[in-house]
Amino acid sequence: TILPELFLFTWIIVGLLPVIFSNEGIPHALRALLVIPPVMIMAALGLSWIMRAISRWLAQKEKAYPLKQKQLKRIRAELTLLLLLFFAAGALQAYFQYFIRWGNDIQTFYAFSGNYVSLGAFIEAQPRDLEKYIIINAGGTEVPVPGSALTLPMPSQTVMFITNTWHNALAKEKNISYILPKDITTINCADHCMITMLEPDHELRKALMAVIGGLSPEAQADTIILKK
């Protein structure tokens, strides 16, 4: 029956739809994760077919050459050992690639917006009554902000998720304002406020300190924090 193969093929096509119909950050490997299981299953089916073919070939030879059964059994045992070594090598290579090489690579941290997660946690820890301005100075697909006419680049969503301020009303409750670099003159920071940005930009920092008096920088990894 071709039903299992048809099911796997359909799974691959459906699993690729998020990649096919998206237009942000393409090609995007994370959106293609759905096709990993069927691809691995098809590879396993191919290996299973090869193993059965070799087993049938050895069985035929054992019948054809009964005096050579000892040698043929030795060959079967050696092929089994080779297969086990293949599996062990594959497991070790996958462990090294995923947990050591890829998992500890600093680029992985930034690829998964680890710096934005840290920034969101820092903002969430600030006093609720403190006016907080986050300048979205990272590029990306423009996304409408619910409850307002504002559209912001996609990277802003990480901080919004961490601080639970996706809707404009929730942002106002926490005194958080998301603005674009061109709108820094609209910042109202008379007494106390905090200004930060997604990406470190010292020219933007200078512009902010020139526009708003009394700002002082605060040490924070991966970003720039200005407080008054």
C-alpha atoms as a PDB file:
ATOM      1  CA  THR A   1       0.000   0.000   0.000  1.00  0.00           C
ATOM      2  CA  ILE A   2       1.133   3.538  -0.746  1.00  0.00           C
ATOM      3  CA  LEU A   3      -0.987   5.092   2.013  1.00  0.00           C
ATOM      4  CA  PRO A   4       1.899   5.611   4.518  1.00  0.00           C
ATOM      5  CA  GLU A   5       4.119   7.186   1.849  1.00  0.00           C
ATOM      6  CA  LEU A   6       1.237   9.376   0.642  1.00  0.00           C
ATOM      7  CA  PHE A   7       0.553  10.465   4.220  1.00  0.00           C
ATOM      8  CA  LEU A   8       4.216  11.418   4.754  1.00  0.00           C
ATOM      9  CA  PHE A   9       4.360  13.283   1.451  1.00  0.00           C
ATOM     10  CA  THR A  10       1.172  15.197   2.355  1.00  0.00           C
ATOM     11  CA  TRP A  11       2.619  15.960   5.797  1.00  0.00           C
ATOM     12  CA  ILE A  12       5.701  17.517   4.166  1.00  0.00           C
ATOM     13  CA  ILE A  13       3.602  19.676   1.824  1.00  0.00           C
ATOM     14  CA  VAL A  14       1.327  20.880   4.628  1.00  0.00           C
ATOM     15  CA  GLY A  15       4.286  21.417   6.975  1.00  0.00           C
ATOM     16  CA  LEU A  16       5.955  23.688   4.411  1.00  0.00           C
ATOM     17  CA  LEU A  17       2.906  25.946   4.065  1.00  0.00           C
ATOM     18  CA  PRO A  18       4.018  28.324   6.887  1.00  0.00           C
ATOM     19  CA  VAL A  19       7.269  28.867   4.985  1.00  0.00           C
ATOM     20  CA  ILE A  20       5.591  29.176   1.594  1.00  0.00           C
ATOM     21  CA  PHE A  21       2.974  31.731   2.660  1.00  0.00           C
ATOM     22  CA  SER A  22       5.097  33.865   5.033  1.00  0.00           C
ATOM     23  CA  ASN A  23       6.980  36.927   3.851  1.00  0.00           C
ATOM     24  CA  GLU A  24       9.017  37.822   6.943  1.00  0.00           C
ATOM     25  CA  GLY A  25      12.547  36.607   7.560  1.00  0.00           C
ATOM     26  CA  ILE A  26      12.569  34.063   4.723  1.00  0.00           C
ATOM     27  CA  PRO A  27      14.013  31.503   4.388  1.00  0.00           C
ATOM     28  CA  HIS A  28      12.943  30.689   7.959  1.00  0.00           C
ATOM     29  CA  ALA A  29      14.110  27.324   9.315  1.00  0.00           C
ATOM     30  CA  LEU A  30      11.985  27.554  12.478  1.00  0.00           C
ATOM     31  CA  ARG A  31       8.780  27.641  10.436  1.00  0.00           C
ATOM     32  CA  ALA A  32       9.880  24.461   8.661  1.00  0.00           C
ATOM     33  CA  LEU A  33      10.200  22.439  11.875  1.00  0.00           C
ATOM     34  CA  LEU A  34       6.930  20.655  11.098  1.00  0.00           C
ATOM     35  CA  VAL A  35       8.598  18.700   8.295  1.00  0.00           C
ATOM     36  CA  ILE A  36      11.378  17.234  10.479  1.00  0.00           C
ATOM     37  CA  PRO A  37       9.341  14.164  11.622  1.00  0.00           C
ATOM     38  CA  PRO A  38       8.228  13.032   8.133  1.00  0.00           C
ATOM     39  CA  VAL A  39      11.706  13.607   6.677  1.00  0.00           C
ATOM     40  CA  MET A  40      13.280  11.543   9.472  1.00  0.00           C
ATOM     41  CA  ILE A  41      10.609   8.836   9.065  1.00  0.00           C
ATOM     42  CA  MET A  42      11.286   8.648   5.307  1.00  0.00           C
ATOM     43  CA  ALA A  43      15.028   8.341   5.980  1.00  0.00           C
ATOM     44  CA  ALA A  44      14.320   5.545   8.486  1.00  0.00           C
ATOM     45  CA  LEU A  45      12.101   3.774   5.941  1.00  0.00           C
ATOM     46  CA  GLY A  46      14.930   3.942   3.422  1.00  0.00           C
ATOM     47  CA  LEU A  47      17.389   2.450   5.899  1.00  0.00           C
ATOM     48  CA  SER A  48      14.865  -0.248   6.838  1.00  0.00           C
ATOM     49  CA  TRP A  49      14.493  -1.179   3.148  1.00  0.00           C
ATOM     50  CA  ILE A  50      18.272  -1.489   2.775  1.00  0.00           C
ATOM     51  CA  MET A  51      18.513  -3.649   5.912  1.00  0.00           C
ATOM     52  CA  ARG A  52      15.767  -6.003   4.692  1.00  0.00           C
ATOM     53  CA  ALA A  53      17.379  -6.248   1.252  1.00  0.00           C
ATOM     54  CA  ILE A  54      20.748  -7.196   2.757  1.00  0.00           C
ATOM     55  CA  SER A  55      19.094  -9.701   5.108  1.00  0.00           C
ATOM     56  CA  ARG A  56      17.269 -11.359   2.179  1.00  0.00           C
ATOM     57  CA  TRP A  57      20.512 -11.489   0.181  1.00  0.00           C
ATOM     58  CA  LEU A  58      22.358 -13.168   3.058  1.00  0.00           C
ATOM     59  CA  ALA A  59      19.501 -15.656   3.564  1.00  0.00           C
ATOM     60  CA  GLN A  60      19.659 -16.578  -0.137  1.00  0.00           C
ATOM     61  CA  LYS A  61      23.413 -17.097   0.070  1.00  0.00           C
ATOM     62  CA  GLU A  62      23.061 -19.284   3.167  1.00  0.00           C
ATOM     63  CA  LYS A  63      20.646 -21.535   1.262  1.00  0.00           C
ATOM     64  CA  ALA A  64      22.796 -21.566  -1.854  1.00  0.00           C
ATOM     65  CA  TYR A  65      26.055 -22.212   0.010  1.00  0.00           C
ATOM     66  CA  PRO A  66      25.309 -24.296   3.139  1.00  0.00           C
ATOM     67  CA  LEU A  67      29.017 -24.934   3.689  1.00  0.00           C
ATOM     68  CA  LYS A  68      29.655 -21.185   3.927  1.00  0.00           C
ATOM     69  CA  GLN A  69      27.072 -20.509   6.625  1.00  0.00           C
ATOM     70  CA  LYS A  70      29.732 -19.801   9.232  1.00  0.00           C
ATOM     71  CA  GLN A  71      31.330 -17.089   7.113  1.00  0.00           C
ATOM     72  CA  LEU A  72      27.935 -15.668   6.150  1.00  0.00           C
ATOM     73  CA  LYS A  73      26.851 -15.508   9.797  1.00  0.00           C
ATOM     74  CA  ARG A  74      30.079 -13.694  10.576  1.00  0.00           C
ATOM     75  CA  ILE A  75      29.307 -11.214   7.807  1.00  0.00           C
ATOM     76  CA  ARG A  76      25.775 -10.724   9.218  1.00  0.00           C
ATOM     77  CA  ALA A  77      27.239 -10.057  12.696  1.00  0.00           C
ATOM     78  CA  GLU A  78      29.806  -7.622  11.282  1.00  0.00           C
ATOM     79  CA  LEU A  79      27.110  -5.727   9.363  1.00  0.00           C
ATOM     80  CA  THR A  80      24.995  -5.557  12.539  1.00  0.00           C
ATOM     81  CA  LEU A  81      27.956  -4.152  14.454  1.00  0.00           C
ATOM     82  CA  LEU A  82      28.602  -1.639  11.659  1.00  0.00           C
ATOM     83  CA  LEU A  83      24.968  -0.521  11.857  1.00  0.00           C
ATOM     84  CA  LEU A  84      25.203  -0.058  15.629  1.00  0.00           C
ATOM     85  CA  LEU A  85      28.394   1.967  15.210  1.00  0.00           C
ATOM     86  CA  PHE A  86      26.598   4.076  12.594  1.00  0.00           C
ATOM     87  CA  PHE A  87      23.766   4.795  15.040  1.00  0.00           C
ATOM     88  CA  ALA A  88      26.218   5.612  17.842  1.00  0.00           C
ATOM     89  CA  ALA A  89      28.237   7.949  15.620  1.00  0.00           C
ATOM     90  CA  GLY A  90      25.049   9.692  14.490  1.00  0.00           C
ATOM     91  CA  ALA A  91      23.907  10.183  18.087  1.00  0.00           C
ATOM     92  CA  LEU A  92      27.296  11.545  19.189  1.00  0.00           C
ATOM     93  CA  GLN A  93      27.494  13.882  16.215  1.00  0.00           C
ATOM     94  CA  ALA A  94      23.965  15.201  16.872  1.00  0.00           C
ATOM     95  CA  TYR A  95      24.765  15.716  20.583  1.00  0.00           C
ATOM     96  CA  PHE A  96      27.937  17.640  19.745  1.00  0.00           C
ATOM     97  CA  GLN A  97      26.268  19.787  17.088  1.00  0.00           C
ATOM     98  CA  TYR A  98      23.163  20.633  19.157  1.00  0.00           C
ATOM     99  CA  PHE A  99      24.294  20.828  22.786  1.00  0.00           C
ATOM    100  CA  ILE A 100      27.921  21.955  22.371  1.00  0.00           C
ATOM    101  CA  ARG A 101      28.558  23.687  19.047  1.00  0.00           C
ATOM    102  CA  TRP A 102      25.113  25.200  18.360  1.00  0.00           C
ATOM    103  CA  GLY A 103      23.783  25.541  21.909  1.00  0.00           C
ATOM    104  CA  ASN A 104      26.841  27.463  23.157  1.00  0.00           C
ATOM    105  CA  ASP A 105      27.228  29.674  20.085  1.00  0.00           C
ATOM    106  CA  ILE A 106      26.584  33.335  20.932  1.00  0.00           C
ATOM    107  CA  GLN A 107      24.869  33.739  17.567  1.00  0.00           C
ATOM    108  CA  THR A 108      22.199  31.282  18.728  1.00  0.00           C
ATOM    109  CA  PHE A 109      21.423  33.591  21.657  1.00  0.00           C
ATOM    110  CA  TYR A 110      20.851  36.532  19.340  1.00  0.00           C
ATOM    111  CA  ALA A 111      19.100  34.453  16.663  1.00  0.00           C
ATOM    112  CA  PHE A 112      16.436  33.604  19.257  1.00  0.00           C
ATOM    113  CA  SER A 113      16.236  37.256  20.412  1.00  0.00           C
ATOM    114  CA  GLY A 114      17.855  36.501  23.750  1.00  0.00           C
ATOM    115  CA  ASN A 115      18.934  40.137  24.068  1.00  0.00           C
ATOM    116  CA  TYR A 116      15.332  41.305  23.595  1.00  0.00           C
ATOM    117  CA  VAL A 117      14.133  38.780  26.181  1.00  0.00           C
ATOM    118  CA  SER A 118      16.659  40.153  28.687  1.00  0.00           C
ATOM    119  CA  LEU A 119      15.584  43.710  27.877  1.00  0.00           C
ATOM    120  CA  GLY A 120      11.920  42.794  28.358  1.00  0.00           C
ATOM    121  CA  ALA A 121      12.674  41.230  31.747  1.00  0.00           C
ATOM    122  CA  PHE A 122      14.607  44.338  32.789  1.00  0.00           C
ATOM    123  CA  ILE A 123      11.726  46.625  31.794  1.00  0.00           C
ATOM    124  CA  GLU A 124       9.186  44.400  33.536  1.00  0.00           C
ATOM    125  CA  ALA A 125      11.204  44.686  36.760  1.00  0.00           C
ATOM    126  CA  GLN A 126      11.013  48.502  36.757  1.00  0.00           C
ATOM    127  CA  PRO A 127       8.475  50.375  38.942  1.00  0.00           C
ATOM    128  CA  ARG A 128       5.058  50.522  37.278  1.00  0.00           C
ATOM    129  CA  ASP A 129       4.714  54.285  37.864  1.00  0.00           C
ATOM    130  CA  LEU A 130       7.986  55.023  36.068  1.00  0.00           C
ATOM    131  CA  GLU A 131       7.505  56.332  32.521  1.00  0.00           C
ATOM    132  CA  LYS A 132       9.295  53.902  30.233  1.00  0.00           C
ATOM    133  CA  TYR A 133      10.063  54.551  26.562  1.00  0.00           C
ATOM    134  CA  ILE A 134      11.311  51.769  24.294  1.00  0.00           C
ATOM    135  CA  ILE A 135      12.712  52.948  20.980  1.00  0.00           C
ATOM    136  CA  ILE A 136      12.212  50.301  18.290  1.00  0.00           C
ATOM    137  CA  ASN A 137      15.371  50.828  16.259  1.00  0.00           C
ATOM    138  CA  ALA A 138      15.477  47.347  14.693  1.00  0.00           C
ATOM    139  CA  GLY A 139      14.141  46.604  11.235  1.00  0.00           C
ATOM    140  CA  GLY A 140      11.465  44.092  10.356  1.00  0.00           C
ATOM    141  CA  THR A 141       7.994  43.619   8.924  1.00  0.00           C
ATOM    142  CA  GLU A 142       5.615  46.309  10.155  1.00  0.00           C
ATOM    143  CA  VAL A 143       2.960  44.923  12.524  1.00  0.00           C
ATOM    144  CA  PRO A 144      -0.105  46.907  13.715  1.00  0.00           C
ATOM    145  CA  VAL A 145      -0.340  47.469  17.474  1.00  0.00           C
ATOM    146  CA  PRO A 146      -3.826  46.588  18.782  1.00  0.00           C
ATOM    147  CA  GLY A 147      -5.638  49.533  20.307  1.00  0.00           C
ATOM    148  CA  SER A 148      -3.685  52.184  18.414  1.00  0.00           C
ATOM    149  CA  ALA A 149      -2.878  53.389  14.918  1.00  0.00           C
ATOM    150  CA  LEU A 150       0.809  52.583  15.458  1.00  0.00           C
ATOM    151  CA  THR A 151       2.691  49.978  13.424  1.00  0.00           C
ATOM    152  CA  LEU A 152       6.039  48.713  14.681  1.00  0.00           C
ATOM    153  CA  PRO A 153       8.742  46.416  13.284  1.00  0.00           C
ATOM    154  CA  MET A 154       8.422  42.738  14.195  1.00  0.00           C
ATOM    155  CA  PRO A 155      11.331  42.685  16.744  1.00  0.00           C
ATOM    156  CA  SER A 156       9.243  44.819  19.127  1.00  0.00           C
ATOM    157  CA  GLN A 157       6.965  41.832  19.769  1.00  0.00           C
ATOM    158  CA  THR A 158       9.540  40.023  21.935  1.00  0.00           C
ATOM    159  CA  VAL A 159       9.617  42.828  24.511  1.00  0.00           C
ATOM    160  CA  MET A 160       5.831  43.163  24.272  1.00  0.00           C
ATOM    161  CA  PHE A 161       5.419  39.465  25.023  1.00  0.00           C
ATOM    162  CA  ILE A 162       7.789  39.493  28.008  1.00  0.00           C
ATOM    163  CA  THR A 163       6.126  42.590  29.486  1.00  0.00           C
ATOM    164  CA  ASN A 164       2.583  41.561  28.455  1.00  0.00           C
ATOM    165  CA  THR A 165       2.017  44.893  26.697  1.00  0.00           C
ATOM    166  CA  TRP A 166       0.985  43.709  23.235  1.00  0.00           C
ATOM    167  CA  HIS A 167      -2.240  45.731  23.424  1.00  0.00           C
ATOM    168  CA  ASN A 168      -1.816  49.485  23.696  1.00  0.00           C
ATOM    169  CA  ALA A 169      -4.126  49.600  26.747  1.00  0.00           C
ATOM    170  CA  LEU A 170      -1.858  47.153  28.614  1.00  0.00           C
ATOM    171  CA  ALA A 171       1.183  49.239  27.713  1.00  0.00           C
ATOM    172  CA  LYS A 172      -0.479  52.368  29.108  1.00  0.00           C
ATOM    173  CA  GLU A 173      -1.291  50.564  32.366  1.00  0.00           C
ATOM    174  CA  LYS A 174       2.431  49.883  32.837  1.00  0.00           C
ATOM    175  CA  ASN A 175       3.505  53.343  31.576  1.00  0.00           C
ATOM    176  CA  ILE A 176       5.342  51.808  28.628  1.00  0.00           C
ATOM    177  CA  SER A 177       5.504  53.636  25.313  1.00  0.00           C
ATOM    178  CA  TYR A 178       6.886  52.116  22.114  1.00  0.00           C
ATOM    179  CA  ILE A 179       8.183  54.696  19.662  1.00  0.00           C
ATOM    180  CA  LEU A 180      10.287  54.875  16.529  1.00  0.00           C
ATOM    181  CA  PRO A 181      13.648  56.710  16.361  1.00  0.00           C
ATOM    182  CA  LYS A 182      12.113  59.505  14.282  1.00  0.00           C
ATOM    183  CA  ASP A 183       9.655  60.266  17.100  1.00  0.00           C
ATOM    184  CA  ILE A 184      12.096  60.870  19.970  1.00  0.00           C
ATOM    185  CA  THR A 185      11.056  64.528  20.154  1.00  0.00           C
ATOM    186  CA  THR A 186       7.621  63.371  21.342  1.00  0.00           C
ATOM    187  CA  ILE A 187       9.080  61.875  24.537  1.00  0.00           C
ATOM    188  CA  ASN A 188       7.628  63.593  27.591  1.00  0.00           C
ATOM    189  CA  CYS A 189      10.259  63.239  30.309  1.00  0.00           C
ATOM    190  CA  ALA A 190       9.850  66.182  32.638  1.00  0.00           C
ATOM    191  CA  ASP A 191      10.829  64.609  35.970  1.00  0.00           C
ATOM    192  CA  HIS A 192      11.468  60.866  35.976  1.00  0.00           C
ATOM    193  CA  CYS A 193      11.618  58.421  33.078  1.00  0.00           C
ATOM    194  CA  MET A 194      13.588  55.620  31.540  1.00  0.00           C
ATOM    195  CA  ILE A 195      14.513  55.394  27.866  1.00  0.00           C
ATOM    196  CA  THR A 196      15.976  52.365  26.185  1.00  0.00           C
ATOM    197  CA  MET A 197      16.287  50.921  22.696  1.00  0.00           C
ATOM    198  CA  LEU A 198      16.288  47.470  21.125  1.00  0.00           C
ATOM    199  CA  GLU A 199      19.711  47.796  19.532  1.00  0.00           C
ATOM    200  CA  PRO A 200      22.681  49.759  20.972  1.00  0.00           C
ATOM    201  CA  ASP A 201      23.020  52.976  18.974  1.00  0.00           C
ATOM    202  CA  HIS A 202      25.374  55.582  20.410  1.00  0.00           C
ATOM    203  CA  GLU A 203      24.411  58.199  17.838  1.00  0.00           C
ATOM    204  CA  LEU A 204      20.793  57.789  18.916  1.00  0.00           C
ATOM    205  CA  ARG A 205      21.929  58.021  22.560  1.00  0.00           C
ATOM    206  CA  LYS A 206      23.643  61.338  21.814  1.00  0.00           C
ATOM    207  CA  ALA A 207      20.535  62.605  20.044  1.00  0.00           C
ATOM    208  CA  LEU A 208      18.361  61.658  23.039  1.00  0.00           C
ATOM    209  CA  MET A 209      20.656  63.363  25.524  1.00  0.00           C
ATOM    210  CA  ALA A 210      20.680  66.468  23.343  1.00  0.00           C
ATOM    211  CA  VAL A 211      16.887  66.575  23.085  1.00  0.00           C
ATOM    212  CA  ILE A 212      16.133  65.635  26.717  1.00  0.00           C
ATOM    213  CA  GLY A 213      18.182  67.222  29.453  1.00  0.00           C
ATOM    214  CA  GLY A 214      19.182  65.453  32.640  1.00  0.00           C
ATOM    215  CA  LEU A 215      19.507  61.951  31.202  1.00  0.00           C
ATOM    216  CA  SER A 216      22.244  59.714  32.534  1.00  0.00           C
ATOM    217  CA  PRO A 217      23.363  56.333  31.141  1.00  0.00           C
ATOM    218  CA  GLU A 218      23.012  53.153  33.182  1.00  0.00           C
ATOM    219  CA  ALA A 219      25.167  50.074  32.585  1.00  0.00           C
ATOM    220  CA  GLN A 220      23.182  47.273  30.963  1.00  0.00           C
ATOM    221  CA  ALA A 221      24.412  44.500  28.680  1.00  0.00           C
ATOM    222  CA  ASP A 222      23.344  44.454  24.999  1.00  0.00           C
ATOM    223  CA  THR A 223      21.464  47.746  25.122  1.00  0.00           C
ATOM    224  CA  ILE A 224      21.544  51.377  26.246  1.00  0.00           C
ATOM    225  CA  ILE A 225      19.556  52.553  29.262  1.00  0.00           C
ATOM    226  CA  LEU A 226      19.025  56.250  29.952  1.00  0.00           C
ATOM    227  CA  LYS A 227      17.331  57.385  33.142  1.00  0.00           C
ATOM    228  CA  LYS A 228      16.241  60.672  34.610  1.00  0.00           C
END
